[in-house]
């Protein structure tokens, strides 16, 4: 899940290392995503996302002409492989905002199903999230998240 969020952030030009926690990073992605949905005619943003998705000039021109956020979201989901997982970009964002949410569980199950289909096992300790004393979430290679108060 963390790698998917990092890739999602990269689509919007965001680098996870600039954020104190995974939750802060997911919040920044969500803000960029909402800005795109609010202003799908923002040609500069569309061109930048198109470049990060390695879209051809014709596709970017169509996105600028159509001004349809659903088209852009579909391309982002395909780029991230979310369409293959059967989850939406919104599900990924909500999972990043709350690793204990139903969306996070849906995403985990989808990722586990892909690993099982591919005959892979989950790396030990990878992707675990811990909750700090101040209530923020961060990656934790030591084990599962702390219980909620």
Protein backbone atom coordinates (compact mmCIF):
# COMPACT_ATOMS: atom_id res chain seq x y z
CA UNK A 1 0.00 0.00 0.00
CA UNK A 2 2.81 2.40 0.83
CA UNK A 3 4.45 1.92 -2.57
CA UNK A 4 1.11 2.56 -4.28
CA UNK A 5 0.69 5.79 -2.32
CA UNK A 6 4.24 6.84 -3.23
CA UNK A 7 3.47 6.23 -6.90
CA UNK A 8 0.18 8.12 -6.56
CA UNK A 9 2.02 11.05 -5.01
CA UNK A 10 4.51 11.02 -7.85
CA UNK A 11 1.62 11.46 -10.33
CA UNK A 12 0.93 14.80 -8.64
CA UNK A 13 4.60 15.72 -8.23
CA UNK A 14 4.69 14.91 -4.51
CA UNK A 15 7.59 13.22 -2.72
CA UNK A 16 6.80 11.25 0.43
CA UNK A 17 10.11 12.20 2.06
CA UNK A 18 8.85 15.77 2.41
CA UNK A 19 6.04 14.73 4.79
CA UNK A 20 6.23 13.81 8.45
CA UNK A 21 3.87 10.85 8.17
CA UNK A 22 2.05 8.69 5.69
CA UNK A 23 -1.19 10.37 6.73
CA UNK A 24 0.24 13.81 5.93
CA UNK A 25 1.40 12.51 2.57
CA UNK A 26 -2.00 10.97 1.78
CA UNK A 27 -3.66 14.27 2.79
CA UNK A 28 -1.43 16.16 0.35
CA UNK A 29 -2.29 13.72 -2.45
CA UNK A 30 -5.98 14.09 -1.66
CA UNK A 31 -5.70 17.89 -1.76
CA UNK A 32 -4.03 17.72 -5.20
CA UNK A 33 -6.61 15.20 -6.38
CA UNK A 34 -9.50 17.38 -5.19
CA UNK A 35 -7.94 20.41 -6.89
CA UNK A 36 -7.81 18.44 -10.13
CA UNK A 37 -11.46 17.39 -9.77
CA UNK A 38 -12.48 20.98 -9.00
CA UNK A 39 -10.60 22.42 -11.99
CA UNK A 40 -10.22 19.76 -14.70
CA UNK A 41 -9.67 22.60 -17.19
CA UNK A 42 -6.37 23.56 -15.50
CA UNK A 43 -4.21 22.90 -18.55
CA UNK A 44 -0.94 23.27 -16.67
CA UNK A 45 -1.95 20.59 -14.17
CA UNK A 46 -3.28 18.31 -16.93
CA UNK A 47 -0.05 18.64 -18.93
CA UNK A 48 2.09 17.96 -15.83
CA UNK A 49 0.08 14.86 -14.92
CA UNK A 50 0.15 13.72 -18.54
CA UNK A 51 3.94 13.99 -18.53
CA UNK A 52 4.25 12.03 -15.28
CA UNK A 53 1.94 9.34 -16.70
CA UNK A 54 4.00 9.28 -19.93
CA UNK A 55 0.92 10.03 -22.02
CA UNK A 56 1.32 10.82 -25.70
CA UNK A 57 0.61 14.32 -27.01
CA UNK A 58 -2.71 13.31 -28.57
CA UNK A 59 -4.04 11.94 -25.28
CA UNK A 60 -2.97 15.08 -23.38
CA UNK A 61 -4.62 17.24 -26.06
CA UNK A 62 -7.82 15.22 -25.70
CA UNK A 63 -7.75 15.60 -21.90
CA UNK A 64 -7.31 19.36 -22.25
CA UNK A 65 -10.14 19.53 -24.77
CA UNK A 66 -12.60 17.28 -22.91
CA UNK A 67 -11.93 18.75 -19.44
CA UNK A 68 -13.34 15.55 -17.96
CA UNK A 69 -11.88 14.60 -14.57
CA UNK A 70 -13.19 11.02 -14.90
CA UNK A 71 -10.95 10.48 -17.94
CA UNK A 72 -7.92 11.65 -15.98
CA UNK A 73 -8.85 9.54 -12.94
CA UNK A 74 -9.26 6.47 -15.16
CA UNK A 75 -5.79 7.02 -16.61
CA UNK A 76 -4.28 7.47 -13.14
CA UNK A 77 -5.96 4.29 -11.90
CA UNK A 78 -4.68 2.36 -14.92
CA UNK A 79 -1.16 3.79 -14.49
CA UNK A 80 -1.10 2.67 -10.84
CA UNK A 81 -2.65 -0.72 -11.65
CA UNK A 82 -5.67 -0.02 -9.48
CA UNK A 83 -7.95 -1.17 -12.29
CA UNK A 84 -6.26 -4.60 -12.08
CA UNK A 85 -6.79 -4.63 -8.32
CA UNK A 86 -10.45 -3.67 -8.65
CA UNK A 87 -10.10 -0.62 -6.40
CA UNK A 88 -10.53 3.08 -7.07
CA UNK A 89 -8.14 5.95 -6.56
CA UNK A 90 -10.46 7.20 -3.80
CA UNK A 91 -10.09 3.84 -2.03
CA UNK A 92 -6.31 4.15 -2.18
CA UNK A 93 -6.45 7.68 -0.76
CA UNK A 94 -8.83 6.74 2.05
CA UNK A 95 -6.66 3.74 2.91
CA UNK A 96 -3.66 6.06 3.20
CA UNK A 97 -5.58 8.48 5.38
CA UNK A 98 -6.75 5.73 7.74
CA UNK A 99 -4.86 2.41 7.55
CA UNK A 100 -7.54 0.81 9.75
CA UNK A 101 -10.45 1.80 7.52
CA UNK A 102 -12.65 -0.49 5.46
CA UNK A 103 -10.95 0.93 2.36
CA UNK A 104 -7.54 -0.07 3.72
CA UNK A 105 -8.82 -3.58 4.34
CA UNK A 106 -10.27 -3.73 0.82
CA UNK A 107 -6.93 -2.64 -0.61
CA UNK A 108 -4.97 -5.12 1.52
CA UNK A 109 -7.22 -7.97 0.38
CA UNK A 110 -6.82 -6.96 -3.27
CA UNK A 111 -3.02 -6.83 -2.91
CA UNK A 112 -2.99 -10.19 -1.11
CA UNK A 113 -5.10 -11.75 -3.88
CA UNK A 114 -2.61 -10.54 -6.50
CA UNK A 115 0.31 -11.91 -4.48
CA UNK A 116 -1.46 -15.26 -4.13
CA UNK A 117 -2.22 -15.38 -7.87
CA UNK A 118 1.44 -14.67 -8.59
CA UNK A 119 2.65 -17.23 -6.03
CA UNK A 120 4.35 -14.53 -3.94
CA UNK A 121 4.45 -14.05 -0.21
CA UNK A 122 4.31 -10.71 1.57
CA UNK A 123 7.73 -9.53 2.74
CA UNK A 124 7.98 -9.70 6.52
CA UNK A 125 7.41 -6.36 8.19
CA UNK A 126 6.89 -4.48 4.89
CA UNK A 127 3.92 -2.17 4.72
CA UNK A 128 3.12 -2.24 8.44
CA UNK A 129 1.88 1.02 9.87
CA UNK A 130 2.26 2.30 13.40
CA UNK A 131 0.36 5.04 15.15
CA UNK A 132 2.47 7.61 17.01
CA UNK A 133 1.53 9.09 20.37
CA UNK A 134 0.29 12.22 18.64
CA UNK A 135 -2.08 10.15 16.49
CA UNK A 136 -0.21 10.24 13.17
CA UNK A 137 0.54 7.15 11.12
CA UNK A 138 3.99 6.20 9.89
CA UNK A 139 5.64 3.13 8.32
CA UNK A 140 6.89 0.64 10.84
CA UNK A 141 9.08 -2.30 9.92
CA UNK A 142 8.81 -3.60 13.50
CA UNK A 143 5.19 -4.73 13.37
CA UNK A 144 1.53 -3.85 13.24
CA UNK A 145 -0.08 -0.55 14.14
CA UNK A 146 -0.67 0.35 17.76
CA UNK A 147 -4.27 -0.04 18.89
CA UNK A 148 -6.47 3.00 18.70
CA UNK A 149 -7.24 4.67 22.03
